[in-house]
Every structure is written in structure tokens, then in C-alpha cells.
Amino acid sequence: MSRDAAARTAPRLERQAAEEARGRLEHARGTRLVQLRALTETGQSADDHLMSAQRDAIERVLKEIDEAFARIEAGTYGLCLACAKPVPAERLEILPYTRHCVACRGGQAG
């Protein structure tokens, strides 16, 4: 492949990867919104600590998903926020909103 052809192909592959990431993030967001709606519709007391903890966890993931969308727009999606190395594609497929590679995640949630 010529250098010019490679230069034209790289942005196309990056756009394709970004679209795939957006799709995974949209799916993750939709799933969390359904979970949040189900928690709300149970009608249990707002004082229920388990329900509150579940709601907080879902809302935290929704925030992480929004941050991942921002990283796509900034062109930094898929880079570890701690070491700046690429996060393995397999990890991004499983946890598309992750901010860290496995080595840097330490005690963090993703």
C-alpha cells in the first residue's frame, strides 16, 4: 500500500473504531437506563440502602459513559488516563467506558 493510500485509510479505520465504540457505549447507556428505570418502578422506599447503592452505582457508570463519549470526541478514547498507553481492544469491548488499562486500574473501578 502506498503512503498516500495508508494516510487515507488510517482516518477511515479510526472513524470506524470510533463508531464501534459509540455503539458499545450507546448499548451500555441503554442497559443502565433500563436498570435505573426498573429500580425507580419497584416502588420501594427511597430509604432502602441497597436500592440507593444500586442507583448510585448505575448513575456513576452513566457518568463514566458520558466521559467516554467526550474522550471519543477529544480523540483520546482508548488511551489509559494514568499511563497514556492504549487500553487493549478486548478490555474496551467488555468495558467500553473504562478509563484505565488493567495495570493502572489499581483500586479503581475501571
N, C-alpha and C. Protein backbone atom coordinates (compact mmCIF):
# COMPACT_ATOMS: atom_id res chain seq x y z
N MET A 1 0.86 -1.18 0.00
CA MET A 1 0.00 0.00 0.00
C MET A 1 0.90 1.23 0.00
N SER A 2 0.57 2.20 -0.82
CA SER A 2 1.36 3.42 -0.89
C SER A 2 1.16 4.25 0.37
N ARG A 3 2.07 5.17 0.58
CA ARG A 3 1.97 6.05 1.76
C ARG A 3 0.68 6.87 1.70
N ASP A 4 0.33 7.38 0.51
CA ASP A 4 -0.91 8.16 0.37
C ASP A 4 -2.14 7.31 0.68
N ALA A 5 -2.16 6.08 0.19
CA ALA A 5 -3.30 5.20 0.46
C ALA A 5 -3.38 4.89 1.95
N ALA A 6 -2.24 4.67 2.57
CA ALA A 6 -2.23 4.40 4.01
C ALA A 6 -2.73 5.61 4.79
N ALA A 7 -2.34 6.80 4.34
CA ALA A 7 -2.78 8.03 5.01
C ALA A 7 -4.29 8.20 4.90
N ARG A 8 -4.87 7.78 3.76
CA ARG A 8 -6.33 7.89 3.60
C ARG A 8 -7.05 6.80 4.38
N THR A 9 -6.44 5.64 4.52
CA THR A 9 -7.07 4.51 5.21
C THR A 9 -7.09 4.70 6.72
N ALA A 10 -6.03 5.26 7.29
CA ALA A 10 -5.93 5.41 8.75
C ALA A 10 -7.11 6.18 9.33
N PRO A 11 -7.46 7.37 8.78
CA PRO A 11 -8.60 8.08 9.36
C PRO A 11 -9.91 7.30 9.23
N ARG A 12 -10.05 6.56 8.13
CA ARG A 12 -11.28 5.76 7.94
C ARG A 12 -11.36 4.68 9.01
N LEU A 13 -10.23 4.02 9.30
CA LEU A 13 -10.21 3.00 10.34
C LEU A 13 -10.48 3.62 11.70
N GLU A 14 -9.93 4.81 11.95
CA GLU A 14 -10.18 5.48 13.21
C GLU A 14 -11.65 5.84 13.35
N ARG A 15 -12.26 6.31 12.27
CA ARG A 15 -13.70 6.62 12.31
C ARG A 15 -14.52 5.37 12.56
N GLN A 16 -14.13 4.27 11.91
CA GLN A 16 -14.84 3.01 12.11
C GLN A 16 -14.72 2.55 13.56
N ALA A 17 -13.52 2.64 14.12
CA ALA A 17 -13.32 2.25 15.52
C ALA A 17 -14.12 3.15 16.44
N ALA A 18 -14.17 4.45 16.14
CA ALA A 18 -14.94 5.38 16.97
C ALA A 18 -16.43 5.05 16.89
N GLU A 19 -16.92 4.71 15.69
CA GLU A 19 -18.33 4.35 15.55
C GLU A 19 -18.65 3.07 16.32
N GLU A 20 -17.75 2.10 16.28
CA GLU A 20 -17.94 0.86 17.04
C GLU A 20 -17.97 1.16 18.53
N ALA A 21 -17.07 2.02 18.98
CA ALA A 21 -17.03 2.40 20.40
C ALA A 21 -18.31 3.12 20.79
N ARG A 22 -18.77 4.03 19.93
CA ARG A 22 -20.05 4.73 20.22
C ARG A 22 -21.19 3.73 20.34
N GLY A 23 -21.21 2.74 19.45
CA GLY A 23 -22.26 1.72 19.51
C GLY A 23 -22.23 0.94 20.82
N ARG A 24 -21.04 0.55 21.25
CA ARG A 24 -20.92 -0.18 22.53
C ARG A 24 -21.34 0.72 23.70
N LEU A 25 -20.96 1.99 23.62
CA LEU A 25 -21.32 2.93 24.70
C LEU A 25 -22.83 3.19 24.71
N GLU A 26 -23.43 3.32 23.54
CA GLU A 26 -24.89 3.52 23.48
C GLU A 26 -25.61 2.31 24.08
N HIS A 27 -25.11 1.11 23.77
CA HIS A 27 -25.71 -0.10 24.33
C HIS A 27 -25.56 -0.11 25.85
N ALA A 28 -24.38 0.22 26.34
CA ALA A 28 -24.14 0.25 27.79
C ALA A 28 -25.04 1.29 28.45
N ARG A 29 -25.17 2.46 27.82
CA ARG A 29 -26.03 3.51 28.37
C ARG A 29 -27.49 3.03 28.41
N GLY A 30 -27.95 2.46 27.32
CA GLY A 30 -29.33 1.97 27.27
C GLY A 30 -29.61 0.93 28.34
N THR A 31 -28.67 0.02 28.51
CA THR A 31 -28.83 -1.01 29.54
C THR A 31 -28.94 -0.39 30.93
N ARG A 32 -28.05 0.57 31.23
CA ARG A 32 -28.07 1.20 32.55
C ARG A 32 -29.35 2.01 32.75
N LEU A 33 -29.83 2.67 31.70
CA LEU A 33 -31.07 3.44 31.83
C LEU A 33 -32.26 2.52 32.11
N VAL A 34 -32.28 1.36 31.47
CA VAL A 34 -33.35 0.38 31.75
C VAL A 34 -33.26 -0.09 33.20
N GLN A 35 -32.05 -0.35 33.68
CA GLN A 35 -31.87 -0.77 35.07
C GLN A 35 -32.33 0.32 36.03
N LEU A 36 -31.98 1.56 35.73
CA LEU A 36 -32.38 2.68 36.58
C LEU A 36 -33.90 2.83 36.60
N ARG A 37 -34.52 2.71 35.44
CA ARG A 37 -35.97 2.80 35.35
C ARG A 37 -36.63 1.66 36.16
N ALA A 38 -36.08 0.47 36.06
CA ALA A 38 -36.63 -0.67 36.81
C ALA A 38 -36.53 -0.44 38.31
N LEU A 39 -35.40 0.13 38.76
CA LEU A 39 -35.26 0.43 40.18
C LEU A 39 -36.30 1.45 40.62
N THR A 40 -36.52 2.45 39.79
CA THR A 40 -37.48 3.51 40.12
C THR A 40 -38.91 2.96 40.17
N GLU A 41 -39.20 2.03 39.27
CA GLU A 41 -40.56 1.49 39.16
C GLU A 41 -40.90 0.45 40.22
N THR A 42 -39.92 0.00 41.00
CA THR A 42 -40.21 -1.02 42.00
C THR A 42 -41.09 -0.49 43.12
N GLY A 43 -41.04 0.83 43.30
CA GLY A 43 -41.88 1.44 44.32
C GLY A 43 -41.37 1.24 45.73
N GLN A 44 -40.17 0.74 45.89
CA GLN A 44 -39.61 0.55 47.22
C GLN A 44 -39.21 1.90 47.80
N SER A 45 -39.08 1.93 49.07
CA SER A 45 -38.74 3.14 49.80
C SER A 45 -37.40 3.70 49.35
N ALA A 46 -37.33 5.00 49.24
CA ALA A 46 -36.08 5.68 48.88
C ALA A 46 -35.04 5.49 49.98
N ASP A 47 -35.48 5.08 51.17
CA ASP A 47 -34.56 4.87 52.29
C ASP A 47 -33.87 3.51 52.21
N ASP A 48 -34.31 2.67 51.30
CA ASP A 48 -33.73 1.34 51.16
C ASP A 48 -32.26 1.50 50.75
N HIS A 49 -31.34 1.09 51.62
CA HIS A 49 -29.92 1.31 51.39
C HIS A 49 -29.40 0.53 50.17
N LEU A 50 -29.90 -0.67 49.97
CA LEU A 50 -29.47 -1.46 48.82
C LEU A 50 -29.91 -0.78 47.52
N MET A 51 -31.15 -0.34 47.48
CA MET A 51 -31.66 0.35 46.30
C MET A 51 -30.86 1.63 46.05
N SER A 52 -30.57 2.34 47.09
CA SER A 52 -29.81 3.57 46.97
C SER A 52 -28.41 3.29 46.43
N ALA A 53 -27.77 2.25 46.94
CA ALA A 53 -26.43 1.88 46.48
C ALA A 53 -26.46 1.47 45.01
N GLN A 54 -27.48 0.71 44.61
CA GLN A 54 -27.61 0.30 43.21
C GLN A 54 -27.82 1.51 42.31
N ARG A 55 -28.67 2.41 42.74
CA ARG A 55 -28.95 3.62 41.96
C ARG A 55 -27.66 4.46 41.82
N ASP A 56 -26.93 4.61 42.91
CA ASP A 56 -25.68 5.37 42.87
C ASP A 56 -24.67 4.72 41.90
N ALA A 57 -24.57 3.40 41.94
CA ALA A 57 -23.63 2.69 41.06
C ALA A 57 -24.02 2.88 39.59
N ILE A 58 -25.30 2.78 39.29
CA ILE A 58 -25.76 2.97 37.91
C ILE A 58 -25.50 4.39 37.46
N GLU A 59 -25.79 5.35 38.31
CA GLU A 59 -25.55 6.75 37.95
C GLU A 59 -24.07 7.03 37.75
N ARG A 60 -23.21 6.38 38.53
CA ARG A 60 -21.76 6.53 38.39
C ARG A 60 -21.31 5.98 37.03
N VAL A 61 -21.85 4.83 36.63
CA VAL A 61 -21.49 4.25 35.33
C VAL A 61 -22.01 5.15 34.20
N LEU A 62 -23.20 5.70 34.35
CA LEU A 62 -23.72 6.60 33.32
C LEU A 62 -22.80 7.82 33.15
N LYS A 63 -22.26 8.31 34.25
CA LYS A 63 -21.31 9.43 34.18
C LYS A 63 -20.04 8.99 33.46
N GLU A 64 -19.55 7.79 33.76
CA GLU A 64 -18.36 7.27 33.10
C GLU A 64 -18.60 7.09 31.60
N ILE A 65 -19.81 6.69 31.23
CA ILE A 65 -20.16 6.54 29.82
C ILE A 65 -20.13 7.90 29.13
N ASP A 66 -20.71 8.91 29.77
CA ASP A 66 -20.67 10.26 29.20
C ASP A 66 -19.23 10.74 29.03
N GLU A 67 -18.38 10.44 30.01
CA GLU A 67 -16.98 10.83 29.92
C GLU A 67 -16.28 10.10 28.76
N ALA A 68 -16.66 8.84 28.53
CA ALA A 68 -16.08 8.09 27.42
C ALA A 68 -16.49 8.70 26.08
N PHE A 69 -17.75 9.14 25.96
CA PHE A 69 -18.17 9.82 24.75
C PHE A 69 -17.33 11.08 24.53
N ALA A 70 -17.05 11.81 25.59
CA ALA A 70 -16.22 13.02 25.49
C ALA A 70 -14.81 12.66 25.04
N ARG A 71 -14.28 11.53 25.51
CA ARG A 71 -12.94 11.11 25.09
C ARG A 71 -12.92 10.75 23.60
N ILE A 72 -14.02 10.16 23.11
CA ILE A 72 -14.09 9.88 21.67
C ILE A 72 -13.99 11.18 20.90
N GLU A 73 -14.77 12.16 21.32
CA GLU A 73 -14.76 13.46 20.63
C GLU A 73 -13.40 14.14 20.71
N ALA A 74 -12.71 13.96 21.82
CA ALA A 74 -11.39 14.58 22.01
C ALA A 74 -10.28 13.80 21.32
N GLY A 75 -10.60 12.58 20.87
CA GLY A 75 -9.59 11.76 20.23
C GLY A 75 -8.69 11.01 21.19
N THR A 76 -9.10 10.91 22.45
CA THR A 76 -8.29 10.23 23.44
C THR A 76 -8.91 8.92 23.93
N TYR A 77 -10.03 8.54 23.33
CA TYR A 77 -10.70 7.29 23.73
C TYR A 77 -9.75 6.12 23.48
N GLY A 78 -9.70 5.21 24.43
CA GLY A 78 -8.87 4.03 24.29
C GLY A 78 -7.46 4.20 24.83
N LEU A 79 -7.17 5.38 25.36
CA LEU A 79 -5.87 5.61 25.99
C LEU A 79 -6.07 5.65 27.50
N CYS A 80 -5.21 4.96 28.21
CA CYS A 80 -5.28 4.95 29.67
C CYS A 80 -5.04 6.36 30.21
N LEU A 81 -5.89 6.81 31.11
CA LEU A 81 -5.73 8.14 31.68
C LEU A 81 -4.53 8.23 32.62
N ALA A 82 -4.05 7.09 33.11
CA ALA A 82 -2.92 7.11 34.03
C ALA A 82 -1.58 7.05 33.31
N CYS A 83 -1.44 6.13 32.34
CA CYS A 83 -0.13 5.93 31.70
C CYS A 83 -0.11 6.36 30.23
N ALA A 84 -1.28 6.70 29.68
CA ALA A 84 -1.42 7.16 28.28
C ALA A 84 -1.14 6.07 27.25
N LYS A 85 -1.00 4.83 27.69
CA LYS A 85 -0.81 3.72 26.74
C LYS A 85 -2.19 3.25 26.27
N PRO A 86 -2.24 2.62 25.10
CA PRO A 86 -3.53 2.12 24.61
C PRO A 86 -4.11 1.05 25.53
N VAL A 87 -5.40 1.15 25.75
CA VAL A 87 -6.12 0.12 26.50
C VAL A 87 -6.40 -1.00 25.50
N PRO A 88 -6.14 -2.26 25.85
CA PRO A 88 -6.38 -3.35 24.90
C PRO A 88 -7.83 -3.36 24.40
N ALA A 89 -7.98 -3.64 23.11
CA ALA A 89 -9.30 -3.66 22.47
C ALA A 89 -10.25 -4.61 23.19
N GLU A 90 -9.72 -5.73 23.68
CA GLU A 90 -10.58 -6.70 24.38
C GLU A 90 -11.19 -6.08 25.62
N ARG A 91 -10.41 -5.29 26.33
CA ARG A 91 -10.92 -4.63 27.55
C ARG A 91 -11.99 -3.60 27.18
N LEU A 92 -11.76 -2.87 26.09
CA LEU A 92 -12.74 -1.87 25.66
C LEU A 92 -14.03 -2.52 25.17
N GLU A 93 -13.93 -3.72 24.61
CA GLU A 93 -15.14 -4.42 24.18
C GLU A 93 -15.98 -4.83 25.38
N ILE A 94 -15.32 -5.26 26.44
CA ILE A 94 -16.02 -5.71 27.64
C ILE A 94 -16.50 -4.54 28.48
N LEU A 95 -15.67 -3.52 28.60
CA LEU A 95 -15.95 -2.37 29.45
C LEU A 95 -15.66 -1.10 28.63
N PRO A 96 -16.57 -0.74 27.72
CA PRO A 96 -16.27 0.33 26.76
C PRO A 96 -16.05 1.70 27.39
N TYR A 97 -16.44 1.90 28.62
CA TYR A 97 -16.27 3.20 29.27
C TYR A 97 -15.07 3.22 30.20
N THR A 98 -14.25 2.18 30.16
CA THR A 98 -13.10 2.14 31.05
C THR A 98 -12.16 3.31 30.80
N ARG A 99 -11.53 3.76 31.84
CA ARG A 99 -10.59 4.88 31.75
C ARG A 99 -9.15 4.42 31.86
N HIS A 100 -8.94 3.18 32.28
CA HIS A 100 -7.60 2.71 32.59
C HIS A 100 -7.32 1.33 32.01
N CYS A 101 -6.06 1.09 31.73
CA CYS A 101 -5.62 -0.26 31.38
C CYS A 101 -5.64 -1.10 32.66
N VAL A 102 -5.50 -2.40 32.51
CA VAL A 102 -5.56 -3.28 33.67
C VAL A 102 -4.43 -2.97 34.66
N ALA A 103 -3.24 -2.70 34.14
CA ALA A 103 -2.08 -2.44 35.01
C ALA A 103 -2.28 -1.20 35.88
N CYS A 104 -2.96 -0.19 35.33
CA CYS A 104 -3.13 1.08 36.06
C CYS A 104 -4.41 1.16 36.86
N ARG A 105 -5.30 0.25 36.65
CA ARG A 105 -6.61 0.38 37.30
C ARG A 105 -6.51 0.31 38.80
N GLY A 106 -5.54 -0.41 39.34
CA GLY A 106 -5.35 -0.46 40.79
C GLY A 106 -6.64 -0.70 41.53
N GLY A 107 -6.96 0.15 42.46
CA GLY A 107 -8.18 0.02 43.25
C GLY A 107 -9.36 0.73 42.62
N GLN A 108 -9.19 1.22 41.38
CA GLN A 108 -10.25 1.97 40.73
C GLN A 108 -11.23 1.03 40.06
N ALA A 109 -12.41 1.55 39.71
CA ALA A 109 -13.48 0.72 39.16
C ALA A 109 -13.36 0.51 37.66
N GLY A 110 -12.43 1.03 36.98
CA GLY A 110 -12.37 0.76 35.57
C GLY A 110 -11.54 1.70 34.85
